[in-house]
N, C-alpha and C. Protein backbone atom coordinates (compact mmCIF):
# COMPACT_ATOMS: atom_id res chain seq x y z
N MET A 1 -19.87 1.50 25.31
CA MET A 1 -18.44 1.66 25.37
C MET A 1 -17.77 0.76 24.25
N GLY A 2 -16.86 1.33 23.55
CA GLY A 2 -16.20 0.59 22.40
C GLY A 2 -15.24 -0.41 22.98
N ILE A 3 -14.92 -1.41 22.20
CA ILE A 3 -13.86 -2.37 22.49
C ILE A 3 -12.54 -1.86 22.11
N ASN A 4 -11.59 -1.94 23.01
CA ASN A 4 -10.25 -1.53 22.70
C ASN A 4 -9.35 -2.74 22.30
N SER A 5 -9.36 -3.07 20.99
CA SER A 5 -8.69 -4.29 20.56
C SER A 5 -7.40 -3.90 19.83
N THR A 6 -6.31 -4.33 20.46
CA THR A 6 -4.96 -4.02 19.82
C THR A 6 -4.83 -4.84 18.50
N GLU A 7 -5.46 -5.99 18.41
CA GLU A 7 -5.40 -6.72 17.10
C GLU A 7 -6.04 -5.93 16.03
N VAL A 8 -7.10 -5.26 16.19
CA VAL A 8 -7.72 -4.46 15.16
C VAL A 8 -6.81 -3.18 14.90
N SER A 9 -6.34 -2.61 15.97
CA SER A 9 -5.51 -1.44 15.81
C SER A 9 -4.26 -1.77 15.00
N TYR A 10 -3.61 -2.93 15.33
CA TYR A 10 -2.37 -3.28 14.58
C TYR A 10 -2.63 -3.58 13.17
N GLY A 11 -3.82 -4.22 12.87
CA GLY A 11 -4.02 -4.67 11.49
C GLY A 11 -4.69 -3.62 10.60
N PHE A 12 -5.28 -2.55 11.11
CA PHE A 12 -5.98 -1.67 10.30
C PHE A 12 -5.53 -0.20 10.40
N GLY A 13 -4.26 0.03 10.49
CA GLY A 13 -3.68 1.35 10.26
C GLY A 13 -3.67 2.30 11.40
N GLN A 14 -3.77 1.78 12.60
CA GLN A 14 -3.80 2.62 13.79
C GLN A 14 -2.40 2.89 14.37
N LEU A 15 -1.39 2.46 13.59
CA LEU A 15 0.00 2.69 14.16
C LEU A 15 0.78 3.70 13.37
N GLY A 16 0.02 4.74 12.88
CA GLY A 16 0.67 5.86 12.25
C GLY A 16 0.39 5.89 10.69
N SER A 17 0.87 6.92 10.10
CA SER A 17 0.67 7.12 8.67
C SER A 17 1.75 7.93 8.10
N GLY A 18 1.84 7.94 6.80
CA GLY A 18 2.85 8.67 6.02
C GLY A 18 2.20 9.28 4.82
N HIS A 19 2.85 10.30 4.23
CA HIS A 19 2.34 11.02 3.09
C HIS A 19 3.50 11.26 2.10
N THR A 20 3.20 11.11 0.81
CA THR A 20 4.10 11.51 -0.22
C THR A 20 3.33 12.06 -1.43
N GLN A 21 3.94 12.99 -2.15
CA GLN A 21 3.34 13.54 -3.35
C GLN A 21 4.40 13.75 -4.43
N THR A 22 5.63 13.26 -4.20
CA THR A 22 6.70 13.41 -5.19
C THR A 22 7.14 11.96 -5.67
N ALA A 23 7.37 11.94 -6.96
CA ALA A 23 7.76 10.63 -7.57
C ALA A 23 9.18 10.11 -7.10
N ALA A 24 9.97 11.09 -6.69
CA ALA A 24 11.32 10.75 -6.23
C ALA A 24 11.36 10.09 -4.85
N ASN A 25 10.27 10.10 -4.15
CA ASN A 25 10.25 9.60 -2.82
C ASN A 25 9.59 8.19 -2.79
N THR A 26 10.33 7.21 -2.24
CA THR A 26 9.70 5.91 -2.02
C THR A 26 9.37 5.84 -0.51
N LEU A 27 8.09 5.70 -0.27
CA LEU A 27 7.62 5.69 1.08
C LEU A 27 7.75 4.28 1.72
N THR A 28 8.48 4.13 2.79
CA THR A 28 8.74 2.91 3.45
C THR A 28 8.23 3.04 4.90
N PRO A 29 7.46 2.07 5.38
CA PRO A 29 6.95 2.11 6.76
C PRO A 29 8.05 2.01 7.82
N PRO A 30 7.81 2.39 9.08
CA PRO A 30 8.79 2.27 10.12
C PRO A 30 9.16 0.74 10.32
N THR A 31 10.27 0.48 10.87
CA THR A 31 10.72 -0.90 11.17
C THR A 31 9.62 -1.64 11.90
N GLY A 32 9.38 -2.90 11.49
CA GLY A 32 8.40 -3.74 12.18
C GLY A 32 6.97 -3.50 11.75
N LYS A 33 6.76 -2.53 10.81
CA LYS A 33 5.42 -2.25 10.40
C LYS A 33 5.38 -2.38 8.85
N VAL A 34 4.13 -2.49 8.27
CA VAL A 34 3.81 -2.53 6.89
C VAL A 34 2.77 -1.49 6.51
N ILE A 35 2.63 -1.14 5.24
CA ILE A 35 1.57 -0.27 4.88
C ILE A 35 0.30 -1.14 4.70
N VAL A 36 -0.75 -0.82 5.37
CA VAL A 36 -1.96 -1.64 5.27
C VAL A 36 -3.11 -1.01 4.47
N ALA A 37 -2.95 0.27 4.18
CA ALA A 37 -3.96 0.92 3.35
C ALA A 37 -3.34 2.12 2.67
N ILE A 38 -3.73 2.36 1.44
CA ILE A 38 -3.29 3.56 0.70
C ILE A 38 -4.48 4.37 0.24
N GLN A 39 -4.56 5.63 0.63
CA GLN A 39 -5.65 6.47 0.21
C GLN A 39 -5.08 7.39 -0.88
N PHE A 40 -5.75 7.44 -1.99
CA PHE A 40 -5.34 8.28 -3.16
C PHE A 40 -6.05 9.57 -3.13
N LEU A 41 -5.29 10.72 -3.08
CA LEU A 41 -5.88 12.03 -2.96
C LEU A 41 -6.11 12.68 -4.35
N ASP A 42 -5.43 12.13 -5.34
CA ASP A 42 -5.62 12.51 -6.76
C ASP A 42 -5.69 11.23 -7.59
N ASP A 43 -6.03 11.37 -8.88
CA ASP A 43 -5.94 10.21 -9.84
C ASP A 43 -4.45 9.99 -10.04
N LEU A 44 -3.94 8.76 -9.61
CA LEU A 44 -2.57 8.52 -9.64
C LEU A 44 -2.16 7.12 -10.10
N SER A 45 -1.01 7.01 -10.70
CA SER A 45 -0.37 5.73 -10.94
C SER A 45 0.78 5.56 -10.04
N LEU A 46 1.16 4.30 -9.76
CA LEU A 46 2.25 3.99 -8.85
C LEU A 46 3.42 3.40 -9.70
N SER A 47 4.65 3.75 -9.33
CA SER A 47 5.77 3.09 -9.95
C SER A 47 6.32 1.97 -9.10
N THR A 48 6.06 2.01 -7.81
CA THR A 48 6.47 0.96 -6.90
C THR A 48 5.29 0.60 -5.96
N LEU A 49 4.95 -0.63 -5.91
CA LEU A 49 4.02 -1.18 -4.92
C LEU A 49 4.43 -2.56 -4.59
N THR A 50 5.21 -2.72 -3.55
CA THR A 50 5.91 -3.98 -3.20
C THR A 50 5.06 -4.66 -2.17
N PRO A 51 4.50 -5.84 -2.48
CA PRO A 51 3.68 -6.58 -1.52
C PRO A 51 4.52 -7.27 -0.52
N GLU A 52 3.95 -7.46 0.61
CA GLU A 52 4.59 -8.26 1.66
C GLU A 52 4.63 -9.68 1.19
N GLN A 53 5.67 -10.41 1.49
CA GLN A 53 5.72 -11.82 1.16
C GLN A 53 5.37 -12.69 2.30
N ILE A 54 4.62 -13.74 2.08
CA ILE A 54 4.26 -14.71 2.99
C ILE A 54 4.74 -16.07 2.54
N TYR A 55 5.55 -16.73 3.32
CA TYR A 55 6.16 -18.02 2.96
C TYR A 55 6.87 -17.90 1.62
N GLY A 56 7.59 -16.78 1.37
CA GLY A 56 8.41 -16.60 0.22
C GLY A 56 7.68 -16.25 -1.04
N ALA A 57 6.27 -15.99 -0.98
CA ALA A 57 5.62 -15.65 -2.18
C ALA A 57 4.80 -14.34 -1.96
N ASP A 58 4.65 -13.53 -3.07
CA ASP A 58 3.77 -12.37 -2.99
C ASP A 58 2.39 -12.69 -2.59
N ALA A 59 1.87 -12.06 -1.51
CA ALA A 59 0.58 -12.40 -1.05
C ALA A 59 -0.46 -11.39 -1.37
N PHE A 60 -0.05 -10.20 -1.91
CA PHE A 60 -0.95 -9.14 -2.19
C PHE A 60 -0.67 -8.50 -3.54
N ILE A 61 -1.56 -7.74 -4.04
CA ILE A 61 -1.29 -7.12 -5.42
C ILE A 61 -0.13 -6.19 -5.28
N GLY A 62 0.56 -6.01 -6.49
CA GLY A 62 1.75 -5.17 -6.49
C GLY A 62 2.14 -4.83 -7.96
N ILE A 63 2.98 -3.85 -8.09
CA ILE A 63 3.45 -3.46 -9.41
C ILE A 63 4.51 -4.52 -9.81
N ASP A 64 4.15 -5.20 -10.95
CA ASP A 64 4.96 -6.25 -11.53
C ASP A 64 5.38 -7.31 -10.52
N ALA A 65 4.47 -7.55 -9.49
CA ALA A 65 4.74 -8.62 -8.52
C ALA A 65 4.36 -9.96 -9.12
N ALA A 66 5.14 -10.94 -8.84
CA ALA A 66 4.92 -12.31 -9.32
C ALA A 66 3.68 -12.81 -8.64
N LEU A 67 2.82 -13.49 -9.41
CA LEU A 67 1.63 -14.14 -8.84
C LEU A 67 1.96 -15.38 -8.07
N SER A 68 1.19 -15.63 -7.07
CA SER A 68 1.43 -16.86 -6.31
C SER A 68 0.08 -17.54 -6.00
N ASN A 69 0.12 -18.71 -5.43
CA ASN A 69 -1.11 -19.43 -5.08
C ASN A 69 -1.97 -18.57 -4.10
N THR A 70 -1.29 -17.82 -3.20
CA THR A 70 -2.06 -17.04 -2.22
C THR A 70 -2.79 -15.88 -2.85
N ALA A 71 -2.35 -15.45 -4.06
CA ALA A 71 -3.00 -14.34 -4.73
C ALA A 71 -4.19 -14.83 -5.61
N GLY A 72 -4.35 -16.17 -5.71
CA GLY A 72 -5.44 -16.70 -6.48
C GLY A 72 -5.28 -16.35 -7.97
N SER A 73 -6.31 -15.90 -8.60
CA SER A 73 -6.26 -15.61 -9.99
C SER A 73 -6.05 -14.13 -10.27
N SER A 74 -5.53 -13.38 -9.38
CA SER A 74 -5.35 -11.99 -9.52
C SER A 74 -4.26 -11.72 -10.66
N GLU A 75 -4.43 -10.58 -11.35
CA GLU A 75 -3.50 -10.17 -12.38
C GLU A 75 -2.42 -9.19 -11.71
N VAL A 76 -1.29 -9.12 -12.32
CA VAL A 76 -0.25 -8.20 -11.86
C VAL A 76 -0.73 -6.77 -12.25
N ILE A 77 -0.43 -5.86 -11.39
CA ILE A 77 -0.68 -4.39 -11.70
C ILE A 77 0.60 -3.81 -12.35
N ASP A 78 0.39 -3.09 -13.43
CA ASP A 78 1.52 -2.41 -13.99
C ASP A 78 1.36 -0.86 -13.76
N SER A 79 2.46 -0.16 -14.05
CA SER A 79 2.52 1.23 -13.63
C SER A 79 1.60 2.12 -14.50
N SER A 80 0.85 1.60 -15.43
CA SER A 80 -0.11 2.38 -16.19
C SER A 80 -1.51 2.35 -15.57
N VAL A 81 -1.73 1.59 -14.59
CA VAL A 81 -3.00 1.56 -13.86
C VAL A 81 -3.17 2.84 -13.08
N VAL A 82 -4.33 3.53 -13.33
CA VAL A 82 -4.63 4.80 -12.64
C VAL A 82 -5.68 4.45 -11.48
N PHE A 83 -5.31 4.82 -10.27
CA PHE A 83 -6.17 4.68 -9.18
C PHE A 83 -6.94 6.07 -8.97
N PRO A 84 -8.25 6.01 -8.98
CA PRO A 84 -9.03 7.24 -8.92
C PRO A 84 -8.84 7.97 -7.54
N GLY A 85 -8.74 9.33 -7.58
CA GLY A 85 -8.68 10.08 -6.39
C GLY A 85 -9.85 9.81 -5.47
N GLY A 86 -9.64 9.66 -4.25
CA GLY A 86 -10.63 9.35 -3.28
C GLY A 86 -10.83 7.82 -2.96
N SER A 87 -10.11 7.00 -3.75
CA SER A 87 -10.17 5.59 -3.50
C SER A 87 -9.11 5.17 -2.47
N THR A 88 -9.33 4.03 -1.86
CA THR A 88 -8.39 3.48 -0.86
C THR A 88 -8.31 1.96 -1.21
N ILE A 89 -6.98 1.51 -1.27
CA ILE A 89 -6.73 0.08 -1.41
C ILE A 89 -6.17 -0.45 -0.04
N VAL A 90 -6.50 -1.74 0.22
CA VAL A 90 -6.16 -2.33 1.48
C VAL A 90 -5.33 -3.59 1.17
N GLY A 91 -4.22 -3.79 1.91
CA GLY A 91 -3.36 -4.96 1.68
C GLY A 91 -2.22 -4.87 2.66
N ARG A 92 -1.09 -5.38 2.23
CA ARG A 92 0.13 -5.29 3.04
C ARG A 92 1.32 -5.06 2.12
N TRP A 93 1.92 -3.88 2.24
CA TRP A 93 3.04 -3.53 1.35
C TRP A 93 4.23 -3.04 2.09
N THR A 94 5.42 -3.19 1.53
CA THR A 94 6.65 -2.73 2.18
C THR A 94 7.20 -1.44 1.63
N HIS A 95 6.77 -1.07 0.36
CA HIS A 95 7.23 0.12 -0.30
C HIS A 95 6.18 0.65 -1.27
N VAL A 96 6.09 1.92 -1.39
CA VAL A 96 5.24 2.48 -2.45
C VAL A 96 5.85 3.85 -2.94
N SER A 97 5.72 4.02 -4.26
CA SER A 97 6.14 5.33 -4.77
C SER A 97 5.22 5.73 -5.98
N LEU A 98 5.17 7.02 -6.24
CA LEU A 98 4.25 7.50 -7.34
C LEU A 98 5.00 7.52 -8.68
N GLN A 99 4.26 7.33 -9.70
CA GLN A 99 4.77 7.36 -11.09
C GLN A 99 5.17 8.80 -11.49
N SER A 100 4.46 9.79 -10.94
CA SER A 100 4.76 11.19 -11.22
C SER A 100 4.37 12.06 -10.05
N ASN A 101 4.92 13.26 -10.01
CA ASN A 101 4.57 14.21 -8.97
C ASN A 101 3.04 14.48 -8.94
N SER A 102 2.55 14.85 -7.79
CA SER A 102 1.13 15.08 -7.66
C SER A 102 0.85 16.30 -6.79
N ALA A 103 -0.24 16.92 -6.98
CA ALA A 103 -0.60 18.10 -6.20
C ALA A 103 -0.98 17.69 -4.78
N SER A 104 -1.59 16.51 -4.59
CA SER A 104 -1.97 16.05 -3.28
C SER A 104 -1.38 14.78 -2.80
N GLY A 105 -1.16 13.81 -3.70
CA GLY A 105 -0.42 12.59 -3.36
C GLY A 105 -1.26 11.48 -2.72
N ILE A 106 -0.61 10.72 -1.87
CA ILE A 106 -1.21 9.57 -1.16
C ILE A 106 -0.96 9.65 0.29
N ILE A 107 -1.85 9.05 1.07
CA ILE A 107 -1.67 8.85 2.51
C ILE A 107 -1.55 7.27 2.73
N CYS A 108 -0.51 6.87 3.41
CA CYS A 108 -0.33 5.45 3.71
C CYS A 108 -0.50 5.24 5.21
N TYR A 109 -1.28 4.21 5.54
CA TYR A 109 -1.53 3.87 6.93
C TYR A 109 -0.79 2.63 7.34
N PHE A 110 -0.14 2.67 8.50
CA PHE A 110 0.73 1.59 8.92
C PHE A 110 0.04 0.64 9.92
N GLY A 111 0.44 -0.61 9.82
CA GLY A 111 -0.05 -1.65 10.74
C GLY A 111 1.05 -2.65 10.97
N GLN A 112 0.71 -3.72 11.73
CA GLN A 112 1.73 -4.79 11.92
C GLN A 112 1.45 -5.96 11.20
């Protein structure tokens, strides 16, 4: 029998999902939630990827996000980076949007 852990559910995308395939749409999670994973259904670039801030600093990768001590030696992502279709990135973001329209788009999974 599996373990029913709300901590795992809340942290790993078990609180719903959203989809977008148009550049004009900025996907924002429901109130009290963040995007915890983004699955790319096509080869795509993002125009917005806003990381959650922890203690006033960007704690995860993002488009033109300022680096902080919590991000270590990570580089900033710019909107020319292409994420391959079929890939998934994991982190904590408050907004995401596509650089251009897509046939299939992205699926975003929500957590707390």
